């Protein structure tokens, strides 16, 4: 468990942990059952920072600061994946060309639009929710956002087929993840969402499950498999779905 979490912090964040872990690929693969826990730990750090910020400034300003902090903590890791995925899948090219575009380090117009719409949805969703949220619920959303993102990614590991030009890419690390590890990750997320949000959390979990399944079908139809970019892009997509579901359910918060 500890080794897997260390590796996740080393690969998916900028938090320096100078500890060498043996067999990193195997530890990352077997540690998928802790993937949502890793997201929750990131969320906890951000929620701890959010709590005093919303007193010092305002909830809306504190939220924007937390979004900036998230980029600082993660290096915008999944945002890069989101932009690459959008550039590739919505380029109206054939499969091979789509994969080449994803591999290109340059950001195209679709990638820019994806990031802009992502942040617009995050900011305005929170502003819509704000009248229905006390301080505890505000911090709860900050706490759960990264958990939901990592939970969405872990769903894609189920019977994953790799589609990419880089046989050594990060996406290949998560081939052949055991079903029970994915199930443990999902159950952990389900119970955390239920504990903090009750029946609203259950609805959020089910809706995210459905949207991730639809996203998987879209990707499979486009490029016949998944790679690091299409996996990583699922995190911001799941986060947006989570907030939009909360808006629909805000009368029950």
C-alpha atoms as a PDB file:
ATOM      1  CA  UNK A   1       0.000   0.000   0.000  1.00  0.00           C
ATOM      2  CA  UNK A   2       2.650   2.519   1.068  1.00  0.00           C
ATOM      3  CA  UNK A   3       4.851   1.772  -1.939  1.00  0.00           C
ATOM      4  CA  UNK A   4       1.945   2.242  -4.337  1.00  0.00           C
ATOM      5  CA  UNK A   5       0.930   5.550  -2.768  1.00  0.00           C
ATOM      6  CA  UNK A   6       4.532   6.777  -2.867  1.00  0.00           C
ATOM      7  CA  UNK A   7       4.696   5.961  -6.572  1.00  0.00           C
ATOM      8  CA  UNK A   8       1.408   7.723  -7.264  1.00  0.00           C
ATOM      9  CA  UNK A   9       2.653  10.856  -5.527  1.00  0.00           C
ATOM     10  CA  UNK A  10       5.922  10.668  -7.460  1.00  0.00           C
ATOM     11  CA  UNK A  11       4.280  10.177 -10.857  1.00  0.00           C
ATOM     12  CA  UNK A  12       1.090  12.222 -10.563  1.00  0.00           C
ATOM     13  CA  UNK A  13       2.163  15.143  -8.357  1.00  0.00           C
ATOM     14  CA  UNK A  14       5.064  17.513  -7.859  1.00  0.00           C
ATOM     15  CA  UNK A  15       5.327  16.671  -4.171  1.00  0.00           C
ATOM     16  CA  UNK A  16       8.926  15.514  -3.683  1.00  0.00           C
ATOM     17  CA  UNK A  17       9.225  12.073  -2.106  1.00  0.00           C
ATOM     18  CA  UNK A  18      12.860  10.939  -2.524  1.00  0.00           C
ATOM     19  CA  UNK A  19      12.205   7.250  -1.883  1.00  0.00           C
ATOM     20  CA  UNK A  20      13.098   4.531  -4.389  1.00  0.00           C
ATOM     21  CA  UNK A  21      10.504   1.793  -4.819  1.00  0.00           C
ATOM     22  CA  UNK A  22      11.355  -1.606  -6.275  1.00  0.00           C
ATOM     23  CA  UNK A  23       9.297  -2.938  -9.202  1.00  0.00           C
ATOM     24  CA  UNK A  24       7.476   0.367  -9.750  1.00  0.00           C
ATOM     25  CA  UNK A  25       5.277  -0.782 -12.642  1.00  0.00           C
ATOM     26  CA  UNK A  26       3.985  -3.793 -10.739  1.00  0.00           C
ATOM     27  CA  UNK A  27       3.412  -1.708  -7.592  1.00  0.00           C
ATOM     28  CA  UNK A  28       1.467   0.906  -9.573  1.00  0.00           C
ATOM     29  CA  UNK A  29      -0.634  -1.787 -11.227  1.00  0.00           C
ATOM     30  CA  UNK A  30      -1.391  -3.738  -8.059  1.00  0.00           C
ATOM     31  CA  UNK A  31      -1.967  -0.513  -6.121  1.00  0.00           C
ATOM     32  CA  UNK A  32      -4.981   0.489  -8.217  1.00  0.00           C
ATOM     33  CA  UNK A  33      -7.154  -0.509  -5.271  1.00  0.00           C
ATOM     34  CA  UNK A  34      -5.677   2.545  -3.504  1.00  0.00           C
ATOM     35  CA  UNK A  35      -6.065   4.907  -6.473  1.00  0.00           C
ATOM     36  CA  UNK A  36      -9.159   6.651  -5.102  1.00  0.00           C
ATOM     37  CA  UNK A  37      -7.481   6.867  -1.689  1.00  0.00           C
ATOM     38  CA  UNK A  38      -4.610   8.683  -3.379  1.00  0.00           C
ATOM     39  CA  UNK A  39      -7.119  11.127  -4.870  1.00  0.00           C
ATOM     40  CA  UNK A  40      -8.703  11.592  -1.455  1.00  0.00           C
ATOM     41  CA  UNK A  41      -5.307  12.400   0.057  1.00  0.00           C
ATOM     42  CA  UNK A  42      -4.732  15.122  -2.543  1.00  0.00           C
ATOM     43  CA  UNK A  43      -8.225  16.405  -1.842  1.00  0.00           C
ATOM     44  CA  UNK A  44      -7.518  16.464   1.891  1.00  0.00           C
ATOM     45  CA  UNK A  45      -4.467  18.682   1.373  1.00  0.00           C
ATOM     46  CA  UNK A  46      -6.518  21.059  -0.754  1.00  0.00           C
ATOM     47  CA  UNK A  47      -9.476  21.077   1.657  1.00  0.00           C
ATOM     48  CA  UNK A  48      -7.158  21.963   4.556  1.00  0.00           C
ATOM     49  CA  UNK A  49      -5.940  24.959   2.555  1.00  0.00           C
ATOM     50  CA  UNK A  50      -9.446  25.909   1.401  1.00  0.00           C
ATOM     51  CA  UNK A  51     -10.856  26.145   4.924  1.00  0.00           C
ATOM     52  CA  UNK A  52      -8.861  29.234   6.048  1.00  0.00           C
ATOM     53  CA  UNK A  53      -8.867  30.780   2.555  1.00  0.00           C
ATOM     54  CA  UNK A  54     -12.645  31.052   2.425  1.00  0.00           C
ATOM     55  CA  UNK A  55     -12.522  32.982   5.721  1.00  0.00           C
ATOM     56  CA  UNK A  56      -9.706  35.269   4.585  1.00  0.00           C
ATOM     57  CA  UNK A  57     -11.219  36.072   1.194  1.00  0.00           C
ATOM     58  CA  UNK A  58     -14.518  34.579   0.027  1.00  0.00           C
ATOM     59  CA  UNK A  59     -15.645  31.084  -0.995  1.00  0.00           C
ATOM     60  CA  UNK A  60     -15.533  31.944  -4.705  1.00  0.00           C
ATOM     61  CA  UNK A  61     -12.016  33.421  -4.529  1.00  0.00           C
ATOM     62  CA  UNK A  62     -10.869  30.519  -2.345  1.00  0.00           C
ATOM     63  CA  UNK A  63     -12.225  28.062  -4.941  1.00  0.00           C
ATOM     64  CA  UNK A  64     -10.223  29.700  -7.732  1.00  0.00           C
ATOM     65  CA  UNK A  65      -7.131  29.618  -5.514  1.00  0.00           C
ATOM     66  CA  UNK A  66      -7.657  25.896  -4.905  1.00  0.00           C
ATOM     67  CA  UNK A  67      -7.885  25.268  -8.640  1.00  0.00           C
ATOM     68  CA  UNK A  68      -4.542  27.052  -8.980  1.00  0.00           C
ATOM     69  CA  UNK A  69      -3.127  25.046  -6.071  1.00  0.00           C
ATOM     70  CA  UNK A  70      -4.251  21.825  -7.743  1.00  0.00           C
ATOM     71  CA  UNK A  71      -2.228  22.725 -10.832  1.00  0.00           C
ATOM     72  CA  UNK A  72       0.773  23.478  -8.641  1.00  0.00           C
ATOM     73  CA  UNK A  73       0.442  20.148  -6.825  1.00  0.00           C
ATOM     74  CA  UNK A  74      -0.144  18.003  -9.896  1.00  0.00           C
ATOM     75  CA  UNK A  75       1.670  19.963 -12.584  1.00  0.00           C
ATOM     76  CA  UNK A  76      -1.545  19.933 -14.592  1.00  0.00           C
ATOM     77  CA  UNK A  77      -0.839  16.281 -15.364  1.00  0.00           C
ATOM     78  CA  UNK A  78      -4.388  15.362 -16.353  1.00  0.00           C
ATOM     79  CA  UNK A  79      -4.986  18.706 -18.089  1.00  0.00           C
ATOM     80  CA  UNK A  80      -2.240  17.854 -20.558  1.00  0.00           C
ATOM     81  CA  UNK A  81      -4.008  14.548 -21.175  1.00  0.00           C
ATOM     82  CA  UNK A  82      -7.342  16.330 -21.627  1.00  0.00           C
ATOM     83  CA  UNK A  83      -5.935  18.694 -24.246  1.00  0.00           C
ATOM     84  CA  UNK A  84      -4.132  15.900 -26.114  1.00  0.00           C
ATOM     85  CA  UNK A  85      -7.250  13.736 -26.072  1.00  0.00           C
ATOM     86  CA  UNK A  86      -9.425  16.568 -27.403  1.00  0.00           C
ATOM     87  CA  UNK A  87      -6.929  17.426 -30.140  1.00  0.00           C
ATOM     88  CA  UNK A  88      -6.736  13.799 -31.243  1.00  0.00           C
ATOM     89  CA  UNK A  89     -10.269  12.449 -30.932  1.00  0.00           C
ATOM     90  CA  UNK A  90     -11.944  15.525 -32.405  1.00  0.00           C
ATOM     91  CA  UNK A  91      -9.527  16.015 -35.285  1.00  0.00           C
ATOM     92  CA  UNK A  92     -11.758  14.088 -37.735  1.00  0.00           C
ATOM     93  CA  UNK A  93      -8.769  12.008 -38.855  1.00  0.00           C
ATOM     94  CA  UNK A  94      -8.164   8.280 -39.036  1.00  0.00           C
ATOM     95  CA  UNK A  95      -7.045   6.250 -36.016  1.00  0.00           C
ATOM     96  CA  UNK A  96      -3.303   6.411 -36.694  1.00  0.00           C
ATOM     97  CA  UNK A  97      -3.363  10.151 -37.287  1.00  0.00           C
ATOM     98  CA  UNK A  98      -5.386  10.706 -34.102  1.00  0.00           C
ATOM     99  CA  UNK A  99      -2.757   8.832 -32.099  1.00  0.00           C
ATOM    100  CA  UNK A 100       0.020  10.874 -33.722  1.00  0.00           C
ATOM    101  CA  UNK A 101      -1.760  14.101 -32.806  1.00  0.00           C
ATOM    102  CA  UNK A 102      -2.117  12.975 -29.184  1.00  0.00           C
ATOM    103  CA  UNK A 103       1.595  12.255 -29.061  1.00  0.00           C
ATOM    104  CA  UNK A 104       2.435  15.732 -30.417  1.00  0.00           C
ATOM    105  CA  UNK A 105       3.526  18.021 -27.567  1.00  0.00           C
ATOM    106  CA  UNK A 106       1.955  21.057 -29.230  1.00  0.00           C
ATOM    107  CA  UNK A 107      -1.545  22.088 -28.130  1.00  0.00           C
ATOM    108  CA  UNK A 108      -4.160  22.580 -30.833  1.00  0.00           C
ATOM    109  CA  UNK A 109      -7.387  24.558 -30.865  1.00  0.00           C
ATOM    110  CA  UNK A 110      -9.482  21.630 -29.604  1.00  0.00           C
ATOM    111  CA  UNK A 111      -7.098  21.144 -26.698  1.00  0.00           C
ATOM    112  CA  UNK A 112      -7.255  24.816 -25.734  1.00  0.00           C
ATOM    113  CA  UNK A 113     -11.046  24.806 -25.919  1.00  0.00           C
ATOM    114  CA  UNK A 114     -11.232  21.660 -23.775  1.00  0.00           C
ATOM    115  CA  UNK A 115      -9.158  23.259 -21.006  1.00  0.00           C
ATOM    116  CA  UNK A 116     -11.059  26.563 -21.194  1.00  0.00           C
ATOM    117  CA  UNK A 117     -14.452  24.834 -20.984  1.00  0.00           C
ATOM    118  CA  UNK A 118     -13.178  22.597 -18.184  1.00  0.00           C
ATOM    119  CA  UNK A 119     -12.290  25.575 -16.001  1.00  0.00           C
ATOM    120  CA  UNK A 120     -15.408  27.519 -16.941  1.00  0.00           C
ATOM    121  CA  UNK A 121     -17.545  24.563 -15.881  1.00  0.00           C
ATOM    122  CA  UNK A 122     -15.593  24.107 -12.638  1.00  0.00           C
ATOM    123  CA  UNK A 123     -15.849  27.771 -11.656  1.00  0.00           C
ATOM    124  CA  UNK A 124     -19.462  28.400 -12.639  1.00  0.00           C
ATOM    125  CA  UNK A 125     -20.677  25.067 -11.267  1.00  0.00           C
ATOM    126  CA  UNK A 126     -19.263  25.982  -7.866  1.00  0.00           C
ATOM    127  CA  UNK A 127     -20.845  29.448  -8.050  1.00  0.00           C
ATOM    128  CA  UNK A 128     -24.234  27.893  -8.846  1.00  0.00           C
ATOM    129  CA  UNK A 129     -23.859  25.481  -5.940  1.00  0.00           C
ATOM    130  CA  UNK A 130     -22.596  28.083  -3.458  1.00  0.00           C
ATOM    131  CA  UNK A 131     -26.019  29.274  -2.160  1.00  0.00           C
ATOM    132  CA  UNK A 132     -26.785  25.645  -1.206  1.00  0.00           C
ATOM    133  CA  UNK A 133     -23.459  24.983   0.502  1.00  0.00           C
ATOM    134  CA  UNK A 134     -22.397  25.666   4.057  1.00  0.00           C
ATOM    135  CA  UNK A 135     -18.690  25.794   4.850  1.00  0.00           C
ATOM    136  CA  UNK A 136     -18.534  22.072   5.579  1.00  0.00           C
ATOM    137  CA  UNK A 137     -20.072  21.149   2.220  1.00  0.00           C
ATOM    138  CA  UNK A 138     -17.771  23.553   0.393  1.00  0.00           C
ATOM    139  CA  UNK A 139     -14.736  21.839   1.901  1.00  0.00           C
ATOM    140  CA  UNK A 140     -16.328  18.447   1.201  1.00  0.00           C
ATOM    141  CA  UNK A 141     -16.501  19.196  -2.528  1.00  0.00           C
ATOM    142  CA  UNK A 142     -12.836  20.194  -2.511  1.00  0.00           C
ATOM    143  CA  UNK A 143     -12.045  16.999  -0.613  1.00  0.00           C
ATOM    144  CA  UNK A 144     -13.927  14.709  -3.008  1.00  0.00           C
ATOM    145  CA  UNK A 145     -13.069  16.221  -6.378  1.00  0.00           C
ATOM    146  CA  UNK A 146      -9.768  14.388  -6.867  1.00  0.00           C
ATOM    147  CA  UNK A 147     -11.208  11.140  -5.505  1.00  0.00           C
ATOM    148  CA  UNK A 148     -13.938  11.266  -8.153  1.00  0.00           C
ATOM    149  CA  UNK A 149     -11.364  11.946 -10.858  1.00  0.00           C
ATOM    150  CA  UNK A 150      -9.156   9.015  -9.898  1.00  0.00           C
ATOM    151  CA  UNK A 151     -12.188   6.779  -9.502  1.00  0.00           C
ATOM    152  CA  UNK A 152     -13.212   7.559 -13.072  1.00  0.00           C
ATOM    153  CA  UNK A 153      -9.782   6.624 -14.398  1.00  0.00           C
ATOM    154  CA  UNK A 154      -9.748   3.332 -12.493  1.00  0.00           C
ATOM    155  CA  UNK A 155     -12.992   2.283 -14.195  1.00  0.00           C
ATOM    156  CA  UNK A 156     -11.197   2.404 -17.545  1.00  0.00           C
ATOM    157  CA  UNK A 157      -8.630  -0.148 -16.365  1.00  0.00           C
ATOM    158  CA  UNK A 158     -11.265  -2.897 -16.572  1.00  0.00           C
ATOM    159  CA  UNK A 159     -10.315  -5.200 -19.485  1.00  0.00           C
ATOM    160  CA  UNK A 160      -8.270  -2.354 -20.901  1.00  0.00           C
ATOM    161  CA  UNK A 161      -6.884  -2.583 -24.420  1.00  0.00           C
ATOM    162  CA  UNK A 162      -3.918  -0.371 -25.237  1.00  0.00           C
ATOM    163  CA  UNK A 163      -3.933   1.802 -28.341  1.00  0.00           C
ATOM    164  CA  UNK A 164      -0.885   3.975 -28.810  1.00  0.00           C
ATOM    165  CA  UNK A 165       2.383   4.472 -30.633  1.00  0.00           C
ATOM    166  CA  UNK A 166       4.486   4.228 -27.484  1.00  0.00           C
ATOM    167  CA  UNK A 167       4.807   0.696 -26.140  1.00  0.00           C
ATOM    168  CA  UNK A 168       6.615   2.127 -23.094  1.00  0.00           C
ATOM    169  CA  UNK A 169       3.971   4.754 -22.332  1.00  0.00           C
ATOM    170  CA  UNK A 170       2.479   5.184 -18.880  1.00  0.00           C
ATOM    171  CA  UNK A 171      -0.812   3.753 -20.129  1.00  0.00           C
ATOM    172  CA  UNK A 172       0.770   0.330 -20.658  1.00  0.00           C
ATOM    173  CA  UNK A 173       1.532   0.179 -16.932  1.00  0.00           C
ATOM    174  CA  UNK A 174      -2.160  -0.337 -16.238  1.00  0.00           C
ATOM    175  CA  UNK A 175      -2.745  -3.220 -18.610  1.00  0.00           C
ATOM    176  CA  UNK A 176      -4.087  -6.393 -16.980  1.00  0.00           C
ATOM    177  CA  UNK A 177      -5.129  -4.752 -13.716  1.00  0.00           C
ATOM    178  CA  UNK A 178      -6.900  -7.345 -11.581  1.00  0.00           C
ATOM    179  CA  UNK A 179     -10.668  -6.984 -11.426  1.00  0.00           C
ATOM    180  CA  UNK A 180     -10.742  -7.222  -7.645  1.00  0.00           C
ATOM    181  CA  UNK A 181      -8.392  -4.243  -7.354  1.00  0.00           C
ATOM    182  CA  UNK A 182     -10.692  -2.141  -9.529  1.00  0.00           C
ATOM    183  CA  UNK A 183     -13.686  -3.310  -7.488  1.00  0.00           C
ATOM    184  CA  UNK A 184     -11.995  -2.359  -4.203  1.00  0.00           C
ATOM    185  CA  UNK A 185     -11.241   1.088  -5.618  1.00  0.00           C
ATOM    186  CA  UNK A 186     -14.871   1.517  -6.676  1.00  0.00           C
ATOM    187  CA  UNK A 187     -16.267   0.332  -3.350  1.00  0.00           C
ATOM    188  CA  UNK A 188     -13.978   2.695  -1.466  1.00  0.00           C
ATOM    189  CA  UNK A 189     -15.179   5.622  -3.593  1.00  0.00           C
ATOM    190  CA  UNK A 190     -18.810   4.581  -3.193  1.00  0.00           C
ATOM    191  CA  UNK A 191     -18.638   4.464   0.596  1.00  0.00           C
ATOM    192  CA  UNK A 192     -16.681   7.727   0.883  1.00  0.00           C
ATOM    193  CA  UNK A 193     -19.232   9.514  -1.308  1.00  0.00           C
ATOM    194  CA  UNK A 194     -22.076   7.996   0.708  1.00  0.00           C
ATOM    195  CA  UNK A 195     -20.501   8.943   4.044  1.00  0.00           C
ATOM    196  CA  UNK A 196     -20.003  12.587   3.044  1.00  0.00           C
ATOM    197  CA  UNK A 197     -22.996  13.197   0.753  1.00  0.00           C
ATOM    198  CA  UNK A 198     -25.524  10.474   1.582  1.00  0.00           C
ATOM    199  CA  UNK A 199     -27.953   9.585  -1.210  1.00  0.00           C
ATOM    200  CA  UNK A 200     -26.608  12.458  -3.316  1.00  0.00           C
ATOM    201  CA  UNK A 201     -23.224  10.730  -3.216  1.00  0.00           C
ATOM    202  CA  UNK A 202     -24.794   7.497  -4.482  1.00  0.00           C
ATOM    203  CA  UNK A 203     -26.379   9.352  -7.404  1.00  0.00           C
ATOM    204  CA  UNK A 204     -23.043  11.027  -8.192  1.00  0.00           C
ATOM    205  CA  UNK A 205     -21.315   7.645  -8.209  1.00  0.00           C
ATOM    206  CA  UNK A 206     -23.886   6.060 -10.542  1.00  0.00           C
ATOM    207  CA  UNK A 207     -23.948   9.006 -12.964  1.00  0.00           C
ATOM    208  CA  UNK A 208     -20.159   9.056 -13.144  1.00  0.00           C
ATOM    209  CA  UNK A 209     -20.167   5.303 -13.795  1.00  0.00           C
ATOM    210  CA  UNK A 210     -22.515   5.820 -16.742  1.00  0.00           C
ATOM    211  CA  UNK A 211     -20.608   8.769 -18.234  1.00  0.00           C
ATOM    212  CA  UNK A 212     -17.258   6.981 -17.967  1.00  0.00           C
ATOM    213  CA  UNK A 213     -18.787   3.976 -19.733  1.00  0.00           C
ATOM    214  CA  UNK A 214     -20.027   6.236 -22.552  1.00  0.00           C
ATOM    215  CA  UNK A 215     -16.639   7.939 -22.738  1.00  0.00           C
ATOM    216  CA  UNK A 216     -14.942   4.553 -22.975  1.00  0.00           C
ATOM    217  CA  UNK A 217     -17.227   3.561 -25.861  1.00  0.00           C
ATOM    218  CA  UNK A 218     -16.417   6.818 -27.661  1.00  0.00           C
ATOM    219  CA  UNK A 219     -12.673   6.282 -27.312  1.00  0.00           C
ATOM    220  CA  UNK A 220     -12.879   2.629 -28.333  1.00  0.00           C
ATOM    221  CA  UNK A 221     -14.871   3.563 -31.431  1.00  0.00           C
ATOM    222  CA  UNK A 222     -12.326   6.224 -32.366  1.00  0.00           C
ATOM    223  CA  UNK A 223      -8.973   4.522 -31.715  1.00  0.00           C
ATOM    224  CA  UNK A 224      -9.842   0.931 -30.706  1.00  0.00           C
ATOM    225  CA  UNK A 225      -8.231   1.208 -27.291  1.00  0.00           C
ATOM    226  CA  UNK A 226      -6.955   3.451 -24.522  1.00  0.00           C
ATOM    227  CA  UNK A 227      -3.655   5.197 -23.891  1.00  0.00           C
ATOM    228  CA  UNK A 228      -2.188   7.551 -21.316  1.00  0.00           C
ATOM    229  CA  UNK A 229      -3.955  10.608 -22.730  1.00  0.00           C
ATOM    230  CA  UNK A 230      -7.411   9.066 -22.983  1.00  0.00           C
ATOM    231  CA  UNK A 231      -7.000   7.596 -19.497  1.00  0.00           C
ATOM    232  CA  UNK A 232      -5.816  10.841 -17.916  1.00  0.00           C
ATOM    233  CA  UNK A 233      -8.519  12.916 -19.605  1.00  0.00           C
ATOM    234  CA  UNK A 234     -11.133  10.907 -17.736  1.00  0.00           C
ATOM    235  CA  UNK A 235     -10.161  12.597 -14.466  1.00  0.00           C
ATOM    236  CA  UNK A 236     -11.250  16.156 -15.390  1.00  0.00           C
ATOM    237  CA  UNK A 237     -14.287  14.741 -17.211  1.00  0.00           C
ATOM    238  CA  UNK A 238     -15.364  12.877 -14.056  1.00  0.00           C
ATOM    239  CA  UNK A 239     -14.827  16.006 -11.963  1.00  0.00           C
ATOM    240  CA  UNK A 240     -17.091  18.075 -14.203  1.00  0.00           C
ATOM    241  CA  UNK A 241     -19.731  15.322 -14.196  1.00  0.00           C
ATOM    242  CA  UNK A 242     -19.565  15.260 -10.390  1.00  0.00           C
ATOM    243  CA  UNK A 243     -20.194  19.000 -10.082  1.00  0.00           C
ATOM    244  CA  UNK A 244     -22.975  19.016 -12.681  1.00  0.00           C
ATOM    245  CA  UNK A 245     -24.676  16.129 -10.880  1.00  0.00           C
ATOM    246  CA  UNK A 246     -24.446  18.064  -7.617  1.00  0.00           C
ATOM    247  CA  UNK A 247     -26.159  20.997  -9.328  1.00  0.00           C
ATOM    248  CA  UNK A 248     -29.026  18.742 -10.403  1.00  0.00           C
ATOM    249  CA  UNK A 249     -29.243  17.340  -6.864  1.00  0.00           C
ATOM    250  CA  UNK A 250     -28.544  20.578  -4.978  1.00  0.00           C
ATOM    251  CA  UNK A 251     -32.010  20.627  -3.450  1.00  0.00           C
ATOM    252  CA  UNK A 252     -31.084  17.463  -1.506  1.00  0.00           C
ATOM    253  CA  UNK A 253     -27.723  18.649  -0.146  1.00  0.00           C
END
